[in-house]
Amino acid sequence: MNRAVFLDRDGVITQDPPHYAHRIDQLKLIPRTIEAIKLLNKNKFKVIVVSNQSGVGRGYFKENNVDLFNRALEEKLYKYNSFIDAIYYCPHHPKAKIGTYRVECDCRKPKPGMLLKGANDYNINLKKSFMIGDKWSDILAGQAVGCKTILVLTGHGNDQLQTKKLKVDFISKRLYESVVDIIINKDYS
């Protein structure tokens, strides 16, 4: 079985703009993200992005915008010999403006549907995997499947710590430090 690092996108890999990242001109990586992902690739972790994209259901942008943004992200990483194995996203929201997206799904974090799909598609041992996010919903999704969890202080991470404290395995400055200080240089087998 494979090990994976599940990553939230906005606020963990990419800088979170003021209003829903969906345009390619909003694609700005958090410093040292490419190095972090390259280290995960080199150490044989599957890198799987799991991202809530309720802006689709809210009518702010279309799924095509999400696909174009994700493709641009993958291309940017590929230029530097790093890659993401899969990207899953949830366009749903229980109060979505667009009816087809107004559902109580199992993929919207904190529910673990995207992680379970990734585990099934890539033969992942969830107990030997990590979920890295900047929101408590990311952490709860990881906990629901038995992953080790890391809250990063980029994106909404600092704000999340101010609002309430939930149990999390690790807190880290950003993705790069999560990979170097917590994942790669420790033995969790």
C-alpha atoms as a PDB file:
ATOM      1  CA  MET A   1       0.000   0.000   0.000  1.00  0.00           C
ATOM      2  CA  ASN A   2       1.062   3.590  -0.650  1.00  0.00           C
ATOM      3  CA  ARG A   3       1.476   6.489   1.743  1.00  0.00           C
ATOM      4  CA  ALA A   4      -0.048   9.844   0.846  1.00  0.00           C
ATOM      5  CA  VAL A   5      -0.030  13.442   1.873  1.00  0.00           C
ATOM      6  CA  PHE A   6      -3.468  14.949   1.313  1.00  0.00           C
ATOM      7  CA  LEU A   7      -3.278  18.704   0.852  1.00  0.00           C
ATOM      8  CA  ASP A   8      -5.902  21.378   0.918  1.00  0.00           C
ATOM      9  CA  ARG A   9      -5.246  23.748  -2.011  1.00  0.00           C
ATOM     10  CA  ASP A  10      -6.077  27.353  -1.104  1.00  0.00           C
ATOM     11  CA  GLY A  11      -4.061  28.537   1.881  1.00  0.00           C
ATOM     12  CA  VAL A  12      -1.765  25.488   1.885  1.00  0.00           C
ATOM     13  CA  ILE A  13      -0.346  25.265  -1.645  1.00  0.00           C
ATOM     14  CA  THR A  14      -1.598  28.541  -3.092  1.00  0.00           C
ATOM     15  CA  GLN A  15      -2.057  31.901  -1.474  1.00  0.00           C
ATOM     16  CA  ASP A  16      -5.697  32.463  -0.644  1.00  0.00           C
ATOM     17  CA  PRO A  17      -6.970  35.623  -2.365  1.00  0.00           C
ATOM     18  CA  PRO A  18      -9.663  37.694  -0.680  1.00  0.00           C
ATOM     19  CA  HIS A  19     -12.447  35.981  -2.640  1.00  0.00           C
ATOM     20  CA  TYR A  20     -12.348  32.365  -3.912  1.00  0.00           C
ATOM     21  CA  ALA A  21      -9.304  31.498  -6.051  1.00  0.00           C
ATOM     22  CA  HIS A  22     -10.526  30.579  -9.507  1.00  0.00           C
ATOM     23  CA  ARG A  23      -8.689  32.761 -12.045  1.00  0.00           C
ATOM     24  CA  ILE A  24      -5.232  31.827 -13.300  1.00  0.00           C
ATOM     25  CA  ASP A  25      -3.968  35.332 -12.475  1.00  0.00           C
ATOM     26  CA  GLN A  26      -4.728  34.492  -8.811  1.00  0.00           C
ATOM     27  CA  LEU A  27      -2.372  31.495  -8.870  1.00  0.00           C
ATOM     28  CA  LYS A  28       0.418  32.378  -6.470  1.00  0.00           C
ATOM     29  CA  LEU A  29       2.241  29.629  -4.635  1.00  0.00           C
ATOM     30  CA  ILE A  30       3.102  29.929  -0.970  1.00  0.00           C
ATOM     31  CA  PRO A  31       6.918  30.168  -0.674  1.00  0.00           C
ATOM     32  CA  ARG A  32       8.815  26.864  -0.872  1.00  0.00           C
ATOM     33  CA  THR A  33       5.740  24.896  -1.944  1.00  0.00           C
ATOM     34  CA  ILE A  34       7.480  23.499  -5.021  1.00  0.00           C
ATOM     35  CA  GLU A  35      10.383  22.250  -2.892  1.00  0.00           C
ATOM     36  CA  ALA A  36       7.980  20.655  -0.417  1.00  0.00           C
ATOM     37  CA  ILE A  37       6.048  18.783  -3.090  1.00  0.00           C
ATOM     38  CA  LYS A  38       9.275  17.710  -4.796  1.00  0.00           C
ATOM     39  CA  LEU A  39      10.473  16.240  -1.475  1.00  0.00           C
ATOM     40  CA  LEU A  40       7.210  14.316  -1.110  1.00  0.00           C
ATOM     41  CA  ASN A  41       7.605  12.985  -4.666  1.00  0.00           C
ATOM     42  CA  LYS A  42      11.216  11.984  -4.003  1.00  0.00           C
ATOM     43  CA  ASN A  43      10.202  10.172  -0.805  1.00  0.00           C
ATOM     44  CA  LYS A  44       7.494   8.210  -2.635  1.00  0.00           C
ATOM     45  CA  PHE A  45       4.440   9.829  -1.051  1.00  0.00           C
ATOM     46  CA  LYS A  46       1.370  10.190  -3.230  1.00  0.00           C
ATOM     47  CA  VAL A  47       0.444  13.878  -3.284  1.00  0.00           C
ATOM     48  CA  ILE A  48      -3.321  14.311  -3.411  1.00  0.00           C
ATOM     49  CA  VAL A  49      -5.138  17.637  -3.323  1.00  0.00           C
ATOM     50  CA  VAL A  50      -8.579  17.679  -1.671  1.00  0.00           C
ATOM     51  CA  SER A  51     -10.302  21.039  -1.933  1.00  0.00           C
ATOM     52  CA  ASN A  52     -13.734  22.448  -1.123  1.00  0.00           C
ATOM     53  CA  GLN A  53     -14.756  24.674  -4.038  1.00  0.00           C
ATOM     54  CA  SER A  54     -18.203  25.860  -2.978  1.00  0.00           C
ATOM     55  CA  GLY A  55     -17.773  28.965  -5.144  1.00  0.00           C
ATOM     56  CA  VAL A  56     -19.099  26.777  -7.967  1.00  0.00           C
ATOM     57  CA  GLY A  57     -22.340  25.984  -6.158  1.00  0.00           C
ATOM     58  CA  ARG A  58     -22.644  29.553  -4.946  1.00  0.00           C
ATOM     59  CA  GLY A  59     -22.537  30.737  -8.559  1.00  0.00           C
ATOM     60  CA  TYR A  60     -19.281  32.724  -8.259  1.00  0.00           C
ATOM     61  CA  PHE A  61     -17.556  30.717 -11.004  1.00  0.00           C
ATOM     62  CA  LYS A  62     -17.962  27.526 -13.045  1.00  0.00           C
ATOM     63  CA  GLU A  63     -16.356  24.119 -12.665  1.00  0.00           C
ATOM     64  CA  ASN A  64     -14.400  24.871 -15.836  1.00  0.00           C
ATOM     65  CA  ASN A  65     -12.645  27.689 -13.930  1.00  0.00           C
ATOM     66  CA  VAL A  66     -11.616  25.232 -11.209  1.00  0.00           C
ATOM     67  CA  ASP A  67     -10.306  22.790 -13.820  1.00  0.00           C
ATOM     68  CA  LEU A  68      -8.288  25.510 -15.587  1.00  0.00           C
ATOM     69  CA  PHE A  69      -6.844  26.756 -12.288  1.00  0.00           C
ATOM     70  CA  ASN A  70      -5.893  23.221 -11.225  1.00  0.00           C
ATOM     71  CA  ARG A  71      -4.306  22.493 -14.599  1.00  0.00           C
ATOM     72  CA  ALA A  72      -2.262  25.712 -14.361  1.00  0.00           C
ATOM     73  CA  LEU A  73      -1.132  24.664 -10.876  1.00  0.00           C
ATOM     74  CA  GLU A  74      -0.036  21.257 -12.156  1.00  0.00           C
ATOM     75  CA  GLU A  75       1.825  22.830 -15.082  1.00  0.00           C
ATOM     76  CA  LYS A  76       3.616  25.269 -12.789  1.00  0.00           C
ATOM     77  CA  LEU A  77       4.793  22.435 -10.544  1.00  0.00           C
ATOM     78  CA  TYR A  78       5.784  20.247 -13.491  1.00  0.00           C
ATOM     79  CA  LYS A  79       8.136  22.962 -14.789  1.00  0.00           C
ATOM     80  CA  TYR A  80      10.170  22.373 -11.623  1.00  0.00           C
ATOM     81  CA  ASN A  81       9.996  18.562 -11.715  1.00  0.00           C
ATOM     82  CA  SER A  82       7.404  18.214  -8.989  1.00  0.00           C
ATOM     83  CA  PHE A  83       3.913  16.842  -9.387  1.00  0.00           C
ATOM     84  CA  ILE A  84       0.551  16.178  -7.828  1.00  0.00           C
ATOM     85  CA  ASP A  85      -0.824  12.666  -8.282  1.00  0.00           C
ATOM     86  CA  ALA A  86      -4.493  13.678  -8.122  1.00  0.00           C
ATOM     87  CA  ILE A  87      -6.765  16.619  -7.471  1.00  0.00           C
ATOM     88  CA  TYR A  88     -10.258  16.107  -6.071  1.00  0.00           C
ATOM     89  CA  TYR A  89     -12.626  18.958  -5.352  1.00  0.00           C
ATOM     90  CA  CYS A  90     -16.114  19.379  -3.997  1.00  0.00           C
ATOM     91  CA  PRO A  91     -18.314  21.991  -5.744  1.00  0.00           C
ATOM     92  CA  HIS A  92     -21.261  21.407  -3.383  1.00  0.00           C
ATOM     93  CA  HIS A  93     -22.689  23.406  -0.537  1.00  0.00           C
ATOM     94  CA  PRO A  94     -25.897  22.758   1.434  1.00  0.00           C
ATOM     95  CA  LYS A  95     -26.992  26.367   0.753  1.00  0.00           C
ATOM     96  CA  ALA A  96     -25.727  26.575  -2.831  1.00  0.00           C
ATOM     97  CA  LYS A  97     -27.418  29.076  -5.120  1.00  0.00           C
ATOM     98  CA  ILE A  98     -27.337  26.611  -8.032  1.00  0.00           C
ATOM     99  CA  GLY A  99     -29.746  23.756  -7.341  1.00  0.00           C
ATOM    100  CA  THR A 100     -27.681  20.912  -8.786  1.00  0.00           C
ATOM    101  CA  TYR A 101     -24.916  21.725  -6.296  1.00  0.00           C
ATOM    102  CA  ARG A 102     -27.244  22.184  -3.294  1.00  0.00           C
ATOM    103  CA  VAL A 103     -26.704  18.804  -1.688  1.00  0.00           C
ATOM    104  CA  GLU A 104     -25.501  17.265   1.544  1.00  0.00           C
ATOM    105  CA  CYS A 105     -22.647  15.301   0.010  1.00  0.00           C
ATOM    106  CA  ASP A 106     -19.982  13.088   1.526  1.00  0.00           C
ATOM    107  CA  CYS A 107     -17.136  14.928  -0.232  1.00  0.00           C
ATOM    108  CA  ARG A 108     -17.373  18.389   1.335  1.00  0.00           C
ATOM    109  CA  LYS A 109     -14.823  18.596   4.134  1.00  0.00           C
ATOM    110  CA  PRO A 110     -15.076  18.008   7.073  1.00  0.00           C
ATOM    111  CA  LYS A 111     -16.639  14.863   5.586  1.00  0.00           C
ATOM    112  CA  PRO A 112     -13.965  12.469   4.323  1.00  0.00           C
ATOM    113  CA  GLY A 113     -15.317  11.515   0.883  1.00  0.00           C
ATOM    114  CA  MET A 114     -12.450  12.998  -1.155  1.00  0.00           C
ATOM    115  CA  LEU A 115      -9.832  11.317   1.053  1.00  0.00           C
ATOM    116  CA  LEU A 116     -11.631   7.981   0.799  1.00  0.00           C
ATOM    117  CA  LYS A 117     -11.810   8.298  -2.987  1.00  0.00           C
ATOM    118  CA  GLY A 118      -8.091   9.096  -3.147  1.00  0.00           C
ATOM    119  CA  ALA A 119      -7.313   6.151  -0.870  1.00  0.00           C
ATOM    120  CA  ASN A 120      -9.329   3.830  -3.080  1.00  0.00           C
ATOM    121  CA  ASP A 121      -7.956   5.175  -6.378  1.00  0.00           C
ATOM    122  CA  TYR A 122      -4.301   5.094  -5.247  1.00  0.00           C
ATOM    123  CA  ASN A 123      -4.241   2.157  -2.814  1.00  0.00           C
ATOM    124  CA  ILE A 124      -3.423   4.387   0.160  1.00  0.00           C
ATOM    125  CA  ASN A 125      -2.786   3.246   3.709  1.00  0.00           C
ATOM    126  CA  LEU A 126      -4.588   6.069   5.515  1.00  0.00           C
ATOM    127  CA  LYS A 127      -3.009   5.254   8.899  1.00  0.00           C
ATOM    128  CA  LYS A 128       0.443   5.996   7.387  1.00  0.00           C
ATOM    129  CA  SER A 129      -0.729   9.137   5.615  1.00  0.00           C
ATOM    130  CA  PHE A 130      -1.145  12.824   6.460  1.00  0.00           C
ATOM    131  CA  MET A 131      -3.773  15.510   5.930  1.00  0.00           C
ATOM    132  CA  ILE A 132      -2.405  19.071   5.796  1.00  0.00           C
ATOM    133  CA  GLY A 133      -4.831  21.962   5.901  1.00  0.00           C
ATOM    134  CA  ASP A 134      -5.356  25.516   7.065  1.00  0.00           C
ATOM    135  CA  LYS A 135      -8.891  24.997   8.394  1.00  0.00           C
ATOM    136  CA  TRP A 136     -10.438  22.818  11.056  1.00  0.00           C
ATOM    137  CA  SER A 137     -12.610  21.201   8.372  1.00  0.00           C
ATOM    138  CA  ASP A 138      -9.399  19.827   6.782  1.00  0.00           C
ATOM    139  CA  ILE A 139      -8.213  18.468  10.107  1.00  0.00           C
ATOM    140  CA  LEU A 140     -11.573  16.845  10.874  1.00  0.00           C
ATOM    141  CA  ALA A 141     -11.627  15.145   7.454  1.00  0.00           C
ATOM    142  CA  GLY A 142      -8.161  13.735   8.079  1.00  0.00           C
ATOM    143  CA  GLN A 143      -9.102  12.534  11.546  1.00  0.00           C
ATOM    144  CA  ALA A 144     -12.230  10.842  10.202  1.00  0.00           C
ATOM    145  CA  VAL A 145     -10.081   8.461   8.135  1.00  0.00           C
ATOM    146  CA  GLY A 146      -7.236   8.021  10.620  1.00  0.00           C
ATOM    147  CA  CYS A 147      -4.587  10.218   8.979  1.00  0.00           C
ATOM    148  CA  LYS A 148      -2.069  12.172  11.001  1.00  0.00           C
ATOM    149  CA  THR A 149      -3.103  15.817  10.808  1.00  0.00           C
ATOM    150  CA  ILE A 150      -1.143  19.029  10.382  1.00  0.00           C
ATOM    151  CA  LEU A 151      -2.613  22.524  10.663  1.00  0.00           C
ATOM    152  CA  VAL A 152      -0.479  25.056   8.785  1.00  0.00           C
ATOM    153  CA  LEU A 153      -0.444  28.697   9.844  1.00  0.00           C
ATOM    154  CA  THR A 154      -0.691  29.985   6.267  1.00  0.00           C
ATOM    155  CA  GLY A 155      -4.078  30.793   4.742  1.00  0.00           C
ATOM    156  CA  HIS A 156      -6.656  30.668   7.534  1.00  0.00           C
ATOM    157  CA  GLY A 157      -4.493  28.674   9.957  1.00  0.00           C
ATOM    158  CA  ASN A 158      -3.702  31.483  12.387  1.00  0.00           C
ATOM    159  CA  ASP A 159      -7.350  32.580  12.420  1.00  0.00           C
ATOM    160  CA  GLN A 160      -8.495  29.014  13.083  1.00  0.00           C
ATOM    161  CA  LEU A 161      -6.297  28.824  16.171  1.00  0.00           C
ATOM    162  CA  GLN A 162      -7.831  32.057  17.464  1.00  0.00           C
ATOM    163  CA  THR A 163     -11.435  30.896  17.025  1.00  0.00           C
ATOM    164  CA  LYS A 164     -11.248  27.539  18.742  1.00  0.00           C
ATOM    165  CA  LYS A 165      -8.796  24.780  19.410  1.00  0.00           C
ATOM    166  CA  LEU A 166      -9.422  21.294  18.181  1.00  0.00           C
ATOM    167  CA  LYS A 167      -7.165  18.314  18.581  1.00  0.00           C
ATOM    168  CA  VAL A 168      -4.529  18.227  15.863  1.00  0.00           C
ATOM    169  CA  ASP A 169      -1.386  16.097  15.697  1.00  0.00           C
ATOM    170  CA  PHE A 170       0.925  18.916  14.597  1.00  0.00           C
ATOM    171  CA  ILE A 171       0.926  22.654  13.947  1.00  0.00           C
ATOM    172  CA  SER A 172       3.415  23.982  11.411  1.00  0.00           C
ATOM    173  CA  LYS A 173       4.427  27.308   9.889  1.00  0.00           C
ATOM    174  CA  ARG A 174       3.636  26.220   6.303  1.00  0.00           C
ATOM    175  CA  LEU A 175       3.728  23.252   3.935  1.00  0.00           C
ATOM    176  CA  TYR A 176       7.512  23.224   3.542  1.00  0.00           C
ATOM    177  CA  GLU A 177       8.168  22.978   7.281  1.00  0.00           C
ATOM    178  CA  SER A 178       5.443  20.334   7.570  1.00  0.00           C
ATOM    179  CA  VAL A 179       7.224  18.176   5.023  1.00  0.00           C
ATOM    180  CA  VAL A 180      10.788  18.700   6.270  1.00  0.00           C
ATOM    181  CA  ASP A 181      10.283  18.839  10.035  1.00  0.00           C
ATOM    182  CA  ILE A 182       7.345  16.478  10.497  1.00  0.00           C
ATOM    183  CA  ILE A 183       6.881  14.078   7.586  1.00  0.00           C
ATOM    184  CA  ILE A 184      10.249  13.344   5.970  1.00  0.00           C
ATOM    185  CA  ASN A 185      12.560  13.370   8.969  1.00  0.00           C
ATOM    186  CA  LYS A 186      10.426  11.245  11.269  1.00  0.00           C
ATOM    187  CA  ASP A 187       9.528   7.578  11.187  1.00  0.00           C
ATOM    188  CA  TYR A 188       5.796   6.981  11.660  1.00  0.00           C
ATOM    189  CA  SER A 189       5.720   3.354  10.562  1.00  0.00           C
END
